[in-house]
Protein backbone atom coordinates (compact mmCIF):
# COMPACT_ATOMS: atom_id res chain seq x y z
CA MET A 1 0.00 0.00 0.00
CA THR A 2 1.34 3.44 -0.89
CA ALA A 3 1.52 6.40 1.44
CA ALA A 4 -1.30 8.03 -0.55
CA ASP A 5 -3.44 4.91 -0.10
CA ARG A 6 -2.84 4.95 3.67
CA LEU A 7 -3.77 8.62 3.86
CA ALA A 8 -7.00 7.98 1.95
CA GLU A 9 -7.75 5.07 4.29
CA ALA A 10 -7.07 7.28 7.30
CA ARG A 11 -9.51 9.91 6.05
CA GLU A 12 -12.15 7.24 5.44
CA LEU A 13 -11.69 5.91 8.96
CA LEU A 14 -11.99 9.39 10.47
CA ALA A 15 -15.26 9.92 8.62
CA SER A 16 -16.83 7.24 10.82
CA ALA A 17 -14.65 7.51 13.96
CA PRO A 18 -13.57 11.16 14.09
CA VAL A 19 -10.98 12.57 16.46
CA VAL A 20 -11.92 13.62 19.97
CA ASP A 21 -9.10 16.03 20.75
CA GLY A 22 -8.47 16.61 24.44
CA HIS A 23 -6.99 20.08 24.37
CA ASN A 24 -7.06 23.13 22.09
CA ASP A 25 -6.09 26.61 23.33
CA LEU A 26 -7.99 28.62 20.71
CA PRO A 27 -9.87 30.61 23.41
CA TRP A 28 -6.63 31.92 24.94
CA ALA A 29 -5.19 32.63 21.50
CA LEU A 30 -8.27 34.72 20.73
CA ARG A 31 -7.74 36.62 23.98
CA LYS A 32 -4.07 37.29 23.33
CA HIS A 33 -4.31 38.06 19.62
CA VAL A 34 -7.51 40.12 19.38
CA ARG A 35 -8.99 40.39 22.89
CA TYR A 36 -11.91 38.14 21.87
CA ASP A 37 -12.86 40.19 18.79
CA LEU A 38 -14.28 37.37 16.67
CA ASP A 39 -14.63 39.62 13.64
CA ARG A 40 -10.86 40.15 13.55
CA LEU A 41 -10.08 36.43 13.75
CA ASP A 42 -13.03 34.71 12.10
CA ILE A 43 -12.56 30.95 12.28
CA ALA A 44 -14.92 30.56 9.32
CA ALA A 45 -12.07 32.04 7.26
CA ASP A 46 -8.73 30.47 6.40
CA LEU A 47 -6.51 31.46 9.35
CA THR A 48 -3.45 29.53 8.20
CA GLY A 49 -0.39 31.42 9.37
CA ALA A 50 -2.34 33.16 12.14
CA LEU A 51 -3.75 30.26 14.17
CA HIS A 52 -3.58 26.48 14.13
CA THR A 53 -7.37 26.27 14.14
CA ASP A 54 -10.23 27.22 11.87
CA LEU A 55 -13.42 25.45 10.84
CA ALA A 56 -12.25 24.24 7.44
CA ARG A 57 -9.08 22.74 8.86
CA LEU A 58 -11.00 21.08 11.71
CA ARG A 59 -13.14 19.44 9.02
CA ALA A 60 -10.11 18.49 6.95
CA GLY A 61 -8.51 16.95 10.03
CA GLY A 62 -11.48 14.72 10.78
CA VAL A 63 -12.20 16.30 14.15
CA GLY A 64 -15.54 15.21 15.59
CA ALA A 65 -15.22 16.56 19.11
CA GLN A 66 -13.02 19.16 20.75
CA PHE A 67 -12.34 20.01 24.37
CA TRP A 68 -11.73 23.77 24.19
CA SER A 69 -9.37 24.82 26.96
CA VAL A 70 -10.62 27.66 29.13
CA TYR A 71 -7.09 28.17 30.41
CA VAL A 72 -5.81 31.11 32.42
CA PRO A 73 -2.14 31.47 33.48
CA GLY A 74 -0.99 30.80 37.01
CA ARG A 75 0.10 34.40 37.45
CA LEU A 76 -3.61 35.26 37.62
CA ALA A 77 -4.52 34.48 41.21
CA GLY A 78 -7.60 34.59 43.39
CA ASP A 79 -10.73 36.18 41.97
CA ASN A 80 -8.73 37.48 38.99
CA ALA A 81 -8.23 33.87 37.91
CA VAL A 82 -11.94 33.14 38.35
CA SER A 83 -12.95 36.20 36.30
CA ALA A 84 -10.54 35.36 33.51
CA THR A 85 -11.84 31.79 33.43
CA LEU A 86 -15.38 33.13 33.08
CA GLU A 87 -14.23 35.26 30.15
CA GLN A 88 -12.75 32.17 28.54
CA ILE A 89 -16.01 30.28 29.05
CA ASP A 90 -17.87 33.21 27.54
CA VAL A 91 -15.83 33.22 24.33
CA VAL A 92 -16.40 29.50 23.83
CA ASP A 93 -20.13 30.07 24.22
CA ARG A 94 -19.91 32.91 21.70
CA LEU A 95 -18.10 30.65 19.25
CA LEU A 96 -20.79 28.01 19.64
CA GLU A 97 -23.54 30.54 18.99
CA ARG A 98 -21.75 32.18 16.06
CA TYR A 99 -20.79 28.94 14.31
CA ALA A 100 -23.76 26.79 15.27
CA ALA A 101 -23.86 25.02 11.92
CA ASP A 102 -20.42 23.55 12.62
CA LEU A 103 -19.97 23.52 16.41
CA ALA A 104 -22.44 21.75 18.70
CA PRO A 105 -22.50 22.42 22.46
CA ALA A 106 -21.83 19.16 24.31
CA LEU A 107 -22.16 18.46 28.02
CA THR A 108 -22.49 14.67 27.95
CA ALA A 109 -21.33 11.62 26.08
CA ASP A 110 -24.79 11.41 24.51
CA ASP A 111 -24.35 14.99 23.27
CA MET A 112 -21.07 13.97 21.66
CA GLU A 113 -22.75 11.10 19.83
CA ALA A 114 -25.65 13.32 18.77
CA ALA A 115 -23.29 15.93 17.35
CA ARG A 116 -21.47 13.27 15.35
CA ALA A 117 -24.79 12.05 13.94
CA GLN A 118 -25.59 15.65 12.92
CA GLY A 119 -22.23 16.13 11.25
CA ARG A 120 -21.23 18.84 13.72
CA ILE A 121 -18.15 19.10 15.94
CA ALA A 122 -19.06 18.38 19.57
CA SER A 123 -17.63 21.19 21.67
CA LEU A 124 -16.78 20.75 25.33
CA LYS A 125 -14.92 22.96 27.80
CA GLY A 126 -11.92 22.04 29.92
CA ALA A 127 -10.44 24.29 32.62
CA GLU A 128 -6.65 24.28 32.80
CA GLY A 129 -5.30 24.85 36.28
CA GLY A 130 -6.92 24.38 39.68
CA HIS A 131 -6.11 28.00 40.54
CA SER A 132 -9.20 28.77 38.42
CA ILE A 133 -11.48 27.87 41.34
CA ASN A 134 -9.68 30.05 43.94
CA ASN A 135 -9.80 27.27 46.56
CA SER A 136 -13.61 27.18 46.42
CA LEU A 137 -15.62 24.01 45.90
CA ALA A 138 -18.70 26.14 45.18
CA THR A 139 -16.78 27.83 42.35
CA LEU A 140 -15.82 24.38 41.07
CA ARG A 141 -19.49 23.42 40.94
CA ALA A 142 -20.35 26.70 39.23
CA LEU A 143 -17.81 25.98 36.51
CA HIS A 144 -19.45 22.61 35.96
CA THR A 145 -22.83 24.31 35.68
CA LEU A 146 -21.31 26.58 33.02
CA GLY A 147 -20.29 23.54 30.99
CA VAL A 148 -16.74 22.77 32.12
CA ARG A 149 -16.28 19.02 31.87
CA TYR A 150 -12.69 18.63 33.01
CA MET A 151 -10.23 20.55 35.12
CA THR A 152 -6.46 20.14 35.06
CA LEU A 153 -5.50 20.17 38.74
CA THR A 154 -2.53 22.48 38.08
CA HIS A 155 -0.95 24.33 35.23
CA ASN A 156 2.79 25.11 35.18
CA GLU A 157 2.86 26.33 38.79
CA ASN A 158 1.84 24.71 42.04
CA ASN A 159 -1.34 25.88 43.67
CA ASP A 160 -2.24 25.78 47.35
CA TRP A 161 -3.35 22.15 47.24
CA ALA A 162 -1.53 20.41 44.35
CA ASP A 163 1.98 20.13 42.95
CA SER A 164 2.74 20.88 39.30
CA ALA A 165 5.13 18.87 37.13
CA THR A 166 7.12 22.01 36.26
CA ASP A 167 7.46 23.66 39.67
CA GLU A 168 9.50 22.85 42.76
CA PRO A 169 7.81 20.32 45.08
CA GLY A 170 5.39 22.14 47.34
CA VAL A 171 2.83 20.06 49.21
CA GLY A 172 4.04 16.62 48.14
CA GLY A 173 1.23 15.76 45.72
CA LEU A 174 -2.28 16.55 46.91
CA THR A 175 -3.25 18.02 50.25
CA ALA A 176 -6.39 16.98 52.13
CA PHE A 177 -8.24 19.80 50.39
CA GLY A 178 -6.82 18.65 47.06
CA ARG A 179 -8.25 15.20 47.63
CA GLN A 180 -11.59 16.82 48.46
CA VAL A 181 -11.41 18.71 45.15
CA VAL A 182 -11.02 15.38 43.37
CA ARG A 183 -13.98 13.91 45.23
CA GLU A 184 -16.15 16.94 44.46
CA MET A 185 -15.19 16.72 40.80
CA ASN A 186 -16.29 13.08 40.87
CA ARG A 187 -19.59 14.09 42.43
CA SER A 188 -20.17 16.90 39.93
CA GLY A 189 -19.27 14.79 36.90
CA MET A 190 -16.17 16.80 36.01
CA LEU A 191 -13.25 14.74 34.75
CA VAL A 192 -10.04 14.97 36.79
CA ASP A 193 -7.33 15.99 34.31
CA LEU A 194 -3.80 15.02 35.36
CA SER A 195 -1.85 16.72 32.59
CA HIS A 196 0.59 19.29 34.01
CA VAL A 197 0.65 17.75 37.50
CA ALA A 198 3.63 16.22 39.27
CA ALA A 199 3.94 12.43 39.32
CA GLY A 200 3.12 12.43 43.04
CA THR A 201 -0.06 14.38 42.32
CA MET A 202 -0.98 11.85 39.63
CA ARG A 203 -0.63 9.00 42.10
CA ASP A 204 -2.49 10.79 44.89
CA ALA A 205 -5.34 11.65 42.53
CA LEU A 206 -5.60 8.05 41.35
CA ASP A 207 -5.78 6.99 44.99
CA ALA A 208 -8.51 9.54 45.74
CA THR A 209 -10.76 9.33 42.69
CA ALA A 210 -13.87 7.23 42.32
CA ALA A 211 -14.15 8.06 38.60
CA PRO A 212 -11.88 7.63 35.59
CA VAL A 213 -9.26 10.34 35.08
CA ILE A 214 -7.85 11.79 31.90
CA PHE A 215 -4.58 13.26 30.76
CA SER A 216 -5.85 15.77 28.20
CA HIS A 217 -2.45 16.45 26.62
CA SER A 218 0.48 14.37 27.92
CA SER A 219 2.74 11.73 26.42
CA ALA A 220 5.02 8.94 27.67
CA ARG A 221 7.93 9.72 29.97
CA ALA A 222 9.66 6.48 28.99
CA VAL A 223 9.92 7.79 25.42
CA CYS A 224 10.80 11.40 26.31
CA ASP A 225 11.91 12.03 29.87
CA HIS A 226 10.10 15.30 30.49
CA PRO A 227 8.20 15.96 33.74
CA ARG A 228 5.08 16.88 31.74
CA ASN A 229 4.84 13.27 30.58
CA ILE A 230 3.34 10.22 32.27
CA PRO A 231 5.51 7.62 34.04
CA ASP A 232 4.89 3.99 33.18
CA ASP A 233 3.65 3.09 36.66
CA VAL A 234 0.88 5.66 36.25
CA LEU A 235 0.00 4.51 32.73
CA GLU A 236 -0.20 0.97 34.08
CA ARG A 237 -2.85 2.07 36.62
CA LEU A 238 -5.24 3.38 33.97
CA PRO A 239 -6.94 0.05 33.18
CA ALA A 240 -8.07 -0.35 36.80
CA ASN A 241 -9.12 3.29 36.94
CA GLY A 242 -10.77 3.33 33.52
CA GLY A 243 -9.01 6.55 32.50
CA VAL A 244 -7.57 7.78 29.21
CA ALA A 245 -4.15 9.31 28.44
CA MET A 246 -4.28 11.61 25.41
CA ALA A 247 -0.93 11.99 23.65
CA THR A 248 0.20 15.54 22.94
CA PHE A 249 2.00 16.87 19.87
CA VAL A 250 4.12 19.56 21.59
CA PRO A 251 7.68 18.94 20.33
CA LYS A 252 9.43 19.78 23.61
CA PHE A 253 7.41 17.05 25.35
CA ILE A 254 7.90 14.31 22.79
CA LEU A 255 11.43 14.50 21.37
CA PRO A 256 14.44 14.68 23.72
CA ALA A 257 16.42 16.85 21.28
CA ALA A 258 13.55 19.34 21.19
CA VAL A 259 13.55 19.76 24.98
CA GLU A 260 16.91 21.52 25.05
CA TRP A 261 16.29 23.46 21.83
CA THR A 262 12.94 24.81 23.05
CA ALA A 263 14.45 25.82 26.39
CA ARG A 264 16.93 28.00 24.49
CA ALA A 265 14.19 29.38 22.25
CA ASP A 266 12.07 30.22 25.29
CA ASP A 267 15.02 31.93 26.97
CA ASN A 268 15.51 33.98 23.81
CA LEU A 269 11.86 35.00 23.87
CA ARG A 270 12.15 36.09 27.52
CA ALA A 271 15.28 38.07 26.66
CA HIS A 272 13.11 40.02 24.22
CA GLY A 273 10.63 40.79 27.00
CA ARG A 274 8.06 38.14 26.04
CA ASP A 275 6.45 35.36 28.04
CA HIS A 276 7.72 31.96 26.90
CA LEU A 277 4.15 30.84 26.12
CA ASP A 278 3.48 33.82 23.87
CA THR A 279 2.39 32.83 20.35
CA THR A 280 1.31 36.24 19.07
CA PRO A 281 2.67 37.33 15.68
CA GLU A 282 5.33 39.48 17.36
CA ALA A 283 6.55 36.57 19.48
CA MET A 284 6.56 34.22 16.51
CA ARG A 285 8.76 36.63 14.54
CA ILE A 286 11.28 36.41 17.37
CA HIS A 287 11.02 32.61 17.35
CA ARG A 288 11.49 32.40 13.58
CA ALA A 289 14.62 34.54 13.70
CA PHE A 290 16.02 32.26 16.41
CA GLU A 291 15.10 29.20 14.37
CA GLU A 292 16.89 30.52 11.30
CA ALA A 293 20.11 30.81 13.29
CA ASN A 294 19.51 27.62 15.29
CA PRO A 295 17.77 24.93 13.19
CA ARG A 296 14.98 23.20 15.07
CA PRO A 297 15.12 19.41 15.65
CA VAL A 298 12.75 17.60 13.30
CA VAL A 299 9.63 16.21 14.96
CA THR A 300 7.09 14.30 12.86
CA ALA A 301 3.90 12.28 13.11
CA ALA A 302 6.16 9.25 13.62
CA THR A 303 7.45 10.85 16.84
CA VAL A 304 3.89 11.03 18.19
CA ALA A 305 3.25 7.48 16.99
CA ASP A 306 6.25 6.29 19.01
CA HIS A 307 4.55 7.63 22.13
CA LEU A 308 1.21 6.08 21.23
CA ASP A 309 2.86 2.71 20.60
CA HIS A 310 4.39 2.83 24.06
CA MET A 311 1.24 4.14 25.75
CA ARG A 312 -0.81 1.36 24.17
CA GLU A 313 1.68 -1.19 25.48
CA ALA A 314 1.69 0.28 29.00
CA ALA A 315 -1.97 1.23 29.44
CA GLY A 316 -3.84 -0.79 26.82
CA ILE A 317 -5.74 0.24 23.73
CA ASP A 318 -8.84 1.25 25.70
CA HIS A 319 -6.95 3.90 27.67
CA ILE A 320 -5.30 6.16 25.10
CA GLY A 321 -6.38 9.13 23.01
CA ILE A 322 -5.18 12.33 21.35
CA GLY A 323 -4.68 15.84 22.77
CA GLY A 324 -2.80 18.00 20.28
CA ASP A 325 -2.52 21.26 22.27
CA TYR A 326 -2.99 23.32 19.12
CA ASP A 327 -2.86 27.09 19.55
CA GLY A 328 -1.15 26.51 22.88
CA THR A 329 2.31 25.89 21.47
CA ALA A 330 4.62 27.87 19.21
CA PHE A 331 5.91 24.79 17.40
CA THR A 332 4.24 21.69 15.98
CA PRO A 333 5.50 18.51 14.30
CA ALA A 334 5.99 18.30 10.54
CA GLY A 335 2.80 16.82 9.11
CA LEU A 336 0.88 17.83 12.21
CA ASP A 337 1.29 21.53 11.56
CA ASP A 338 -2.30 22.37 12.48
CA VAL A 339 -5.68 20.76 13.13
CA ALA A 340 -5.85 19.50 9.55
CA GLY A 341 -2.99 17.09 10.25
CA TYR A 342 -4.65 14.26 12.18
CA PRO A 343 -5.02 12.02 9.08
CA ASN A 344 -1.22 11.98 8.78
CA LEU A 345 -0.94 10.52 12.28
CA ILE A 346 -3.61 7.92 11.58
CA ALA A 347 -1.86 7.00 8.32
CA GLU A 348 1.39 6.50 10.26
CA LEU A 349 -0.38 4.21 12.73
CA LEU A 350 -1.94 2.25 9.85
CA HIS A 351 1.58 1.84 8.47
CA ARG A 352 2.58 0.37 11.84
CA GLY A 353 -0.21 -2.19 11.71
CA TRP A 354 -2.85 -0.62 13.93
CA SER A 355 -6.27 -2.06 13.15
CA HIS A 356 -9.33 0.03 12.27
CA ARG A 357 -10.96 -1.12 15.48
CA ASP A 358 -8.03 0.03 17.61
CA LEU A 359 -7.79 3.33 15.76
CA ALA A 360 -11.50 3.99 16.32
CA ARG A 361 -10.94 3.50 20.04
CA LEU A 362 -8.02 5.92 19.96
CA THR A 363 -9.84 8.61 18.03
CA TRP A 364 -13.42 8.42 19.30
CA SER A 365 -14.77 5.73 21.56
CA ASN A 366 -12.28 5.86 24.45
CA ALA A 367 -12.91 9.55 25.10
CA VAL A 368 -16.69 9.19 24.83
CA ARG A 369 -16.63 6.21 27.16
CA VAL A 370 -14.55 7.95 29.85
CA LEU A 371 -17.01 10.86 30.01
CA ARG A 372 -19.96 8.46 30.12
CA ASP A 373 -18.35 6.54 32.97
CA ALA A 374 -17.70 9.77 34.91
CA GLU A 375 -21.35 10.68 34.45
CA ALA A 376 -22.40 7.33 35.95
CA VAL A 377 -20.16 7.87 38.99
CA SER A 378 -21.62 11.36 39.41
CA ARG A 379 -25.19 10.07 39.39
CA ASP A 380 -24.33 7.49 42.03
CA LEU A 381 -22.50 9.96 44.29
CA LYS A 382 -25.24 12.58 44.00
CA SER A 383 -27.79 9.98 45.09
CA ARG A 384 -25.82 9.33 48.28
CA THR A 385 -23.90 12.50 49.17
CA ALA A 386 -24.50 16.23 49.48
CA PRO A 387 -22.28 18.93 47.95
CA SER A 388 -19.22 19.54 50.09
CA ASN A 389 -18.82 22.79 52.00
CA ALA A 390 -15.25 21.95 53.04
CA THR A 391 -12.67 24.75 53.05
CA ILE A 392 -8.94 24.67 52.57
CA ASP A 393 -8.39 26.49 55.84
CA VAL A 394 -10.06 23.69 57.80
CA LEU A 395 -8.93 20.63 55.85
CA ASP A 396 -5.31 21.61 55.39
CA ALA A 397 -4.92 22.90 58.94
CA ALA A 398 -5.74 19.49 60.33
């Protein structure tokens, strides 16, 4: 079979089992680029060169469901973080209203299936960073009411109750209040997202949760030894938990040579007065100049496939998925340049002998199942327990 034949086969497969992508930072990109002015960055237009995401490229990529990240940075603390999260939620809702023919609001696994039947892209929200709730379980429940269906327990910095993968150890995993956050997420029906958290936090959360967890955009530490990735002992716990680990495409997390290169590129961006996560046109001009003088290590769809091969071996085919992190990273792999690229990854996996059945689990059914299972746990817990009024001051003072 030729490469063209495999690509055609991949597109055919995605027509029936489209991609559920765990993490796309379009809402934050819209904030940073145009302060949420949807006329200035209209995703119904071709935004190639400006963003990784627009409607036509989502269609070309075979995307059937997207968790839109309602991320806010860790430097926003307290009520400022809550307000910014609400603004992020608002822009997703505005996108869903504006592009209703293409994007379908989804709160449940049944909604995801209904959107697929309608030929629309199921759109869910995922909060990125537990600082978004300002240590308030009531705020957590309010975010769920507003449609948030997962929360990453940390982002790049620790918070008061959980350790991040990319910060110095703080509380040693999860505090008592952190474990209560996990339990309240279980009760609400919000998926516990363990991307960005320290390995100790992963293990504590798996000990505390009654529902399946997800990693919305993390890959295998055994393949690329970066703290943002998942150790094998944690991957091996996913079958018992029922969770799903969604491989990311971010080069610095998946190719060892890209880790060091990106660190230097980020330092160069900071030296020019920019945040290392900045992907605005001005920041990208700085990055491109650096790249011209310092050629970037080549990352491809095969690099991502290496992680998925390992994750399938460690966790099993029922416990893996895809979380590209588009519009949340300055650099992407060759062939996975934007959201149109998913067929190239599926073609690579076909080349490696993955069956259609296994690929359909990877792209669609695993993610739908994990949300459905979390909903079942929520119904059970709500029938037996009341909402928690616990506070961090009480629980973590004990």
